[in-house]
Amino acid sequence: MYKVVRARMRALVCGARAARRDAGMVTSEYAMGIIAAVAFAAVLYKVVTSGAVSAELQAIVKQALDARM
């Protein structure tokens, strides 16, 4: 029984070490992540620079600057 438990523990530990070695992203995953981040930034830029959103942001900033304390 002791040998069986020891063998199972060894398998668990070796499996955990193998999983730790493969914990990072591969190059294709980095590329997809960068593409997704750039696409999100482009959409966000378009939204923020649109007429309605830009006017609202300017109004908020103006109201904040005109506030009296």
N, C-alpha and C. Protein backbone atom coordinates (compact mmCIF):
# COMPACT_ATOMS: atom_id res chain seq x y z
N MET A 1 0.83 -1.19 0.00
CA MET A 1 0.00 0.00 0.00
C MET A 1 0.87 1.25 0.00
N TYR A 2 1.94 1.25 0.75
CA TYR A 2 2.84 2.40 0.83
C TYR A 2 3.43 2.73 -0.54
N LYS A 3 3.77 1.71 -1.32
CA LYS A 3 4.34 1.92 -2.64
C LYS A 3 3.32 2.54 -3.59
N VAL A 4 2.08 2.15 -3.47
CA VAL A 4 1.03 2.69 -4.33
C VAL A 4 0.81 4.17 -4.03
N VAL A 5 0.74 4.50 -2.75
CA VAL A 5 0.54 5.90 -2.35
C VAL A 5 1.73 6.74 -2.80
N ARG A 6 2.92 6.21 -2.62
CA ARG A 6 4.12 6.94 -3.01
C ARG A 6 4.15 7.16 -4.53
N ALA A 7 3.76 6.17 -5.29
CA ALA A 7 3.74 6.29 -6.75
C ALA A 7 2.71 7.33 -7.19
N ARG A 8 1.56 7.36 -6.54
CA ARG A 8 0.53 8.34 -6.89
C ARG A 8 0.98 9.76 -6.54
N MET A 9 1.63 9.92 -5.40
CA MET A 9 2.13 11.22 -5.00
C MET A 9 3.20 11.71 -5.98
N ARG A 10 4.08 10.80 -6.39
CA ARG A 10 5.12 11.16 -7.35
C ARG A 10 4.50 11.59 -8.68
N ALA A 11 3.46 10.90 -9.11
CA ALA A 11 2.78 11.26 -10.36
C ALA A 11 2.13 12.63 -10.25
N LEU A 12 1.53 12.92 -9.10
CA LEU A 12 0.91 14.23 -8.90
C LEU A 12 1.94 15.35 -8.92
N VAL A 13 3.07 15.13 -8.24
CA VAL A 13 4.11 16.15 -8.18
C VAL A 13 4.73 16.36 -9.56
N CYS A 14 5.01 15.31 -10.26
CA CYS A 14 5.61 15.43 -11.59
C CYS A 14 4.63 16.09 -12.56
N GLY A 15 3.37 15.80 -12.42
CA GLY A 15 2.35 16.42 -13.26
C GLY A 15 2.25 17.91 -12.99
N ALA A 16 2.36 18.32 -11.72
CA ALA A 16 2.31 19.73 -11.38
C ALA A 16 3.52 20.47 -11.94
N ARG A 17 4.67 19.84 -11.92
CA ARG A 17 5.87 20.47 -12.48
C ARG A 17 5.72 20.67 -13.98
N ALA A 18 5.16 19.69 -14.65
CA ALA A 18 4.96 19.80 -16.09
C ALA A 18 3.96 20.90 -16.41
N ALA A 19 2.93 21.03 -15.60
CA ALA A 19 1.94 22.08 -15.83
C ALA A 19 2.55 23.46 -15.61
N ARG A 20 3.43 23.60 -14.63
CA ARG A 20 4.08 24.88 -14.38
C ARG A 20 4.98 25.29 -15.53
N ARG A 21 5.63 24.34 -16.16
CA ARG A 21 6.51 24.67 -17.29
C ARG A 21 5.71 25.19 -18.47
N ASP A 22 4.46 24.77 -18.60
CA ASP A 22 3.63 25.13 -19.75
C ASP A 22 2.56 26.14 -19.34
N ALA A 23 2.89 27.04 -18.41
CA ALA A 23 1.89 27.97 -17.89
C ALA A 23 1.76 29.23 -18.73
N GLY A 24 2.73 29.55 -19.57
CA GLY A 24 2.70 30.80 -20.33
C GLY A 24 1.96 30.67 -21.65
N MET A 25 1.80 31.80 -22.31
CA MET A 25 1.15 31.80 -23.61
C MET A 25 2.19 31.55 -24.71
N VAL A 26 1.74 30.98 -25.78
CA VAL A 26 2.61 30.78 -26.93
C VAL A 26 2.52 32.01 -27.83
N THR A 27 3.38 32.09 -28.81
CA THR A 27 3.46 33.27 -29.66
C THR A 27 2.14 33.58 -30.36
N SER A 28 1.45 32.58 -30.81
CA SER A 28 0.17 32.84 -31.49
C SER A 28 -0.86 33.42 -30.53
N GLU A 29 -0.82 33.00 -29.27
CA GLU A 29 -1.74 33.57 -28.29
C GLU A 29 -1.39 35.03 -27.99
N TYR A 30 -0.09 35.34 -27.92
CA TYR A 30 0.32 36.73 -27.76
C TYR A 30 -0.17 37.56 -28.94
N ALA A 31 -0.01 37.05 -30.14
CA ALA A 31 -0.43 37.78 -31.33
C ALA A 31 -1.94 38.04 -31.31
N MET A 32 -2.72 37.05 -30.95
CA MET A 32 -4.17 37.22 -30.89
C MET A 32 -4.55 38.21 -29.79
N GLY A 33 -3.86 38.16 -28.68
CA GLY A 33 -4.12 39.11 -27.59
C GLY A 33 -3.82 40.53 -28.01
N ILE A 34 -2.71 40.73 -28.71
CA ILE A 34 -2.35 42.07 -29.18
C ILE A 34 -3.36 42.57 -30.21
N ILE A 35 -3.77 41.70 -31.12
CA ILE A 35 -4.76 42.09 -32.13
C ILE A 35 -6.08 42.48 -31.46
N ALA A 36 -6.50 41.72 -30.47
CA ALA A 36 -7.74 42.04 -29.76
C ALA A 36 -7.62 43.36 -29.01
N ALA A 37 -6.48 43.61 -28.38
CA ALA A 37 -6.27 44.86 -27.65
C ALA A 37 -6.27 46.06 -28.59
N VAL A 38 -5.64 45.93 -29.74
CA VAL A 38 -5.61 47.02 -30.72
C VAL A 38 -7.01 47.27 -31.27
N ALA A 39 -7.74 46.22 -31.56
CA ALA A 39 -9.11 46.39 -32.06
C ALA A 39 -9.99 47.08 -31.02
N PHE A 40 -9.85 46.68 -29.77
CA PHE A 40 -10.64 47.31 -28.71
C PHE A 40 -10.26 48.78 -28.57
N ALA A 41 -8.97 49.10 -28.65
CA ALA A 41 -8.52 50.49 -28.56
C ALA A 41 -9.06 51.32 -29.72
N ALA A 42 -9.10 50.74 -30.91
CA ALA A 42 -9.62 51.46 -32.07
C ALA A 42 -11.11 51.76 -31.92
N VAL A 43 -11.86 50.78 -31.45
CA VAL A 43 -13.30 50.99 -31.24
C VAL A 43 -13.52 52.04 -30.15
N LEU A 44 -12.77 51.95 -29.07
CA LEU A 44 -12.90 52.93 -27.99
C LEU A 44 -12.55 54.33 -28.47
N TYR A 45 -11.50 54.45 -29.27
CA TYR A 45 -11.11 55.75 -29.83
C TYR A 45 -12.22 56.33 -30.70
N LYS A 46 -12.81 55.49 -31.54
CA LYS A 46 -13.90 55.96 -32.41
C LYS A 46 -15.10 56.43 -31.58
N VAL A 47 -15.41 55.71 -30.51
CA VAL A 47 -16.55 56.08 -29.67
C VAL A 47 -16.27 57.40 -28.97
N VAL A 48 -15.08 57.54 -28.39
CA VAL A 48 -14.76 58.74 -27.62
C VAL A 48 -14.65 59.96 -28.51
N THR A 49 -14.18 59.80 -29.73
CA THR A 49 -14.02 60.96 -30.62
C THR A 49 -15.27 61.24 -31.45
N SER A 50 -16.33 60.48 -31.27
CA SER A 50 -17.57 60.77 -32.00
C SER A 50 -18.18 62.07 -31.46
N GLY A 51 -19.03 62.68 -32.24
CA GLY A 51 -19.58 63.99 -31.89
C GLY A 51 -20.33 64.03 -30.57
N ALA A 52 -21.24 63.10 -30.38
CA ALA A 52 -22.08 63.13 -29.18
C ALA A 52 -21.26 62.87 -27.92
N VAL A 53 -20.41 61.89 -27.96
CA VAL A 53 -19.61 61.55 -26.78
C VAL A 53 -18.61 62.66 -26.49
N SER A 54 -18.02 63.21 -27.51
CA SER A 54 -17.06 64.30 -27.33
C SER A 54 -17.73 65.51 -26.70
N ALA A 55 -18.92 65.84 -27.16
CA ALA A 55 -19.67 66.97 -26.58
C ALA A 55 -20.00 66.71 -25.12
N GLU A 56 -20.42 65.49 -24.81
CA GLU A 56 -20.74 65.15 -23.42
C GLU A 56 -19.51 65.24 -22.52
N LEU A 57 -18.39 64.72 -23.01
CA LEU A 57 -17.15 64.78 -22.22
C LEU A 57 -16.72 66.22 -22.00
N GLN A 58 -16.83 67.07 -23.02
CA GLN A 58 -16.49 68.48 -22.86
C GLN A 58 -17.41 69.17 -21.87
N ALA A 59 -18.69 68.82 -21.91
CA ALA A 59 -19.64 69.41 -20.96
C ALA A 59 -19.32 68.98 -19.53
N ILE A 60 -18.94 67.74 -19.33
CA ILE A 60 -18.59 67.25 -18.00
C ILE A 60 -17.35 67.96 -17.48
N VAL A 61 -16.35 68.10 -18.34
CA VAL A 61 -15.11 68.78 -17.93
C VAL A 61 -15.39 70.25 -17.63
N LYS A 62 -16.18 70.91 -18.47
CA LYS A 62 -16.50 72.31 -18.25
C LYS A 62 -17.26 72.49 -16.95
N GLN A 63 -18.21 71.61 -16.68
CA GLN A 63 -18.98 71.69 -15.44
C GLN A 63 -18.08 71.48 -14.23
N ALA A 64 -17.13 70.56 -14.35
CA ALA A 64 -16.21 70.30 -13.24
C ALA A 64 -15.29 71.50 -13.00
N LEU A 65 -14.86 72.16 -14.09
CA LEU A 65 -13.98 73.31 -13.94
C LEU A 65 -14.71 74.55 -13.44
N ASP A 66 -15.99 74.66 -13.75
CA ASP A 66 -16.78 75.79 -13.31
C ASP A 66 -17.36 75.63 -11.91
N ALA A 67 -17.18 74.47 -11.31
CA ALA A 67 -17.75 74.20 -9.99
C ALA A 67 -17.10 75.10 -8.95
N ARG A 68 -17.91 75.62 -8.06
CA ARG A 68 -17.43 76.47 -6.97
C ARG A 68 -17.35 75.64 -5.70
N MET A 69 -16.30 75.83 -4.97
CA MET A 69 -16.16 75.08 -3.72
C MET A 69 -16.42 75.96 -2.55
